[in-house]
Amino acid sequence: MQQSLPARWTIDGRERVAAGAFRSDSSEAVHRAALSGLGIALLPAVRVRDDIAAGRLAPVLPDSHIAPLDIAAVHPSHKSLAPKARVVLDFLKAKFPGEPISYPPQM
């Protein structure tokens, strides 16, 4: 069995190392693991808001600052964007404001 590397989280400007029996790059898998009681998790507030309100999860470091993470949406630039894809991109842009790198692609 291969040993999983510890997770590295930036909290309050300092790198923290979290090691445990479970690690995943899937926020859904980490969320389910936390709900199952497997340990602490670093998850977006939007994903855990309802669970915290219902008492299924509890904040561990509520006054700490967690470094923001980037979200990327990639599509072929040589094709016109399908209307459904445009709706998703517009939703992400509105829900997670920030400086887009290239949205829409600059010609």
Protein backbone atom coordinates (compact mmCIF):
# COMPACT_ATOMS: atom_id res chain seq x y z
CA MET A 1 0.00 0.00 0.00
CA GLN A 2 1.42 3.37 -1.03
CA GLN A 3 1.73 5.99 1.71
CA SER A 4 -0.18 9.20 0.91
CA LEU A 5 1.77 12.43 1.13
CA PRO A 6 0.50 14.85 3.77
CA ALA A 7 -1.73 17.69 2.64
CA ARG A 8 -0.24 21.19 2.76
CA TRP A 9 -2.67 23.97 3.66
CA THR A 10 -1.88 27.69 3.90
CA ILE A 11 -3.66 29.01 6.99
CA ASP A 12 -3.07 32.49 8.38
CA GLY A 13 -0.19 32.90 5.93
CA ARG A 14 1.71 29.85 7.22
CA GLU A 15 1.94 26.44 5.63
CA ARG A 16 0.36 23.71 7.73
CA VAL A 17 0.77 19.99 7.19
CA ALA A 18 -2.19 17.67 7.72
CA ALA A 19 -1.62 13.93 7.61
CA GLY A 20 -4.17 11.20 8.01
CA ALA A 21 -5.58 7.98 6.67
CA PHE A 22 -7.56 9.66 3.89
CA ARG A 23 -6.62 12.24 1.28
CA SER A 24 -8.30 13.18 -1.98
CA ASP A 25 -8.26 15.93 -4.58
CA SER A 26 -12.04 15.54 -4.96
CA SER A 27 -13.94 18.04 -2.80
CA GLU A 28 -16.97 15.75 -2.95
CA ALA A 29 -14.96 12.81 -1.57
CA VAL A 30 -13.41 14.98 1.16
CA HIS A 31 -16.85 16.34 2.06
CA ARG A 32 -18.31 12.83 2.37
CA ALA A 33 -15.32 11.71 4.43
CA ALA A 34 -15.79 14.63 6.84
CA LEU A 35 -19.51 13.86 7.14
CA SER A 36 -18.57 10.25 7.90
CA GLY A 37 -16.30 11.37 10.74
CA LEU A 38 -12.95 10.53 9.12
CA GLY A 39 -11.30 13.76 10.27
CA ILE A 40 -10.95 17.45 9.49
CA ALA A 41 -11.33 18.83 5.98
CA LEU A 42 -10.46 22.01 4.14
CA LEU A 43 -13.50 22.71 1.98
CA PRO A 44 -15.15 25.73 0.33
CA ALA A 45 -17.76 27.45 2.50
CA VAL A 46 -20.34 27.09 -0.25
CA ARG A 47 -19.99 23.29 -0.04
CA VAL A 48 -20.34 22.99 3.78
CA ARG A 49 -22.61 25.93 4.66
CA ASP A 50 -25.77 23.79 4.99
CA ASP A 51 -23.96 21.06 6.96
CA ILE A 52 -22.59 23.60 9.44
CA ALA A 53 -26.05 25.19 9.84
CA ALA A 54 -27.60 21.75 10.43
CA GLY A 55 -24.89 20.73 12.94
CA ARG A 56 -23.52 17.90 10.77
CA LEU A 57 -20.12 19.66 10.59
CA ALA A 58 -18.43 22.20 12.85
CA PRO A 59 -15.79 24.81 11.93
CA VAL A 60 -12.39 23.96 13.40
CA LEU A 61 -10.58 27.28 12.82
CA PRO A 62 -13.41 29.78 12.26
CA ASP A 63 -11.28 32.92 12.72
CA SER A 64 -8.44 31.79 10.46
CA HIS A 65 -7.72 33.10 6.99
CA ILE A 66 -7.42 30.39 4.34
CA ALA A 67 -5.51 31.27 1.17
CA PRO A 68 -7.89 31.55 -1.81
CA LEU A 69 -7.75 28.93 -4.55
CA ASP A 70 -8.16 29.51 -8.27
CA ILE A 71 -10.95 27.97 -10.32
CA ALA A 72 -10.28 27.31 -14.00
CA ALA A 73 -12.71 26.67 -16.81
CA VAL A 74 -11.13 25.62 -20.09
CA HIS A 75 -12.71 25.30 -23.52
CA PRO A 76 -11.44 25.08 -27.09
CA SER A 77 -10.93 28.60 -28.42
CA HIS A 78 -11.40 27.57 -32.04
CA LYS A 79 -15.05 26.56 -31.54
CA SER A 80 -18.02 28.73 -30.67
CA LEU A 81 -19.13 28.22 -27.10
CA ALA A 82 -22.41 26.33 -26.65
CA PRO A 83 -25.14 28.38 -24.91
CA LYS A 84 -25.26 25.94 -21.97
CA ALA A 85 -21.50 26.25 -21.49
CA ARG A 86 -21.80 30.05 -21.60
CA VAL A 87 -24.44 29.89 -18.83
CA VAL A 88 -22.09 27.80 -16.66
CA LEU A 89 -19.15 30.15 -17.25
CA ASP A 90 -21.29 33.22 -16.51
CA PHE A 91 -22.52 31.57 -13.29
CA LEU A 92 -18.96 30.77 -12.17
CA LYS A 93 -17.83 34.29 -12.98
CA ALA A 94 -20.68 35.79 -10.92
CA LYS A 95 -20.40 33.34 -8.01
CA PHE A 96 -16.59 33.42 -7.75
CA PRO A 97 -15.46 36.94 -8.67
CA GLY A 98 -11.85 37.60 -9.44
CA GLU A 99 -9.61 38.56 -12.28
CA PRO A 100 -10.11 36.22 -15.25
CA ILE A 101 -6.97 35.35 -17.12
CA SER A 102 -8.69 35.26 -20.49
CA TYR A 103 -12.47 35.43 -20.44
CA PRO A 104 -13.64 35.63 -23.14
CA PRO A 105 -10.51 34.72 -25.09
CA GLN A 106 -8.81 37.82 -26.46
CA MET A 107 -8.13 37.79 -30.20
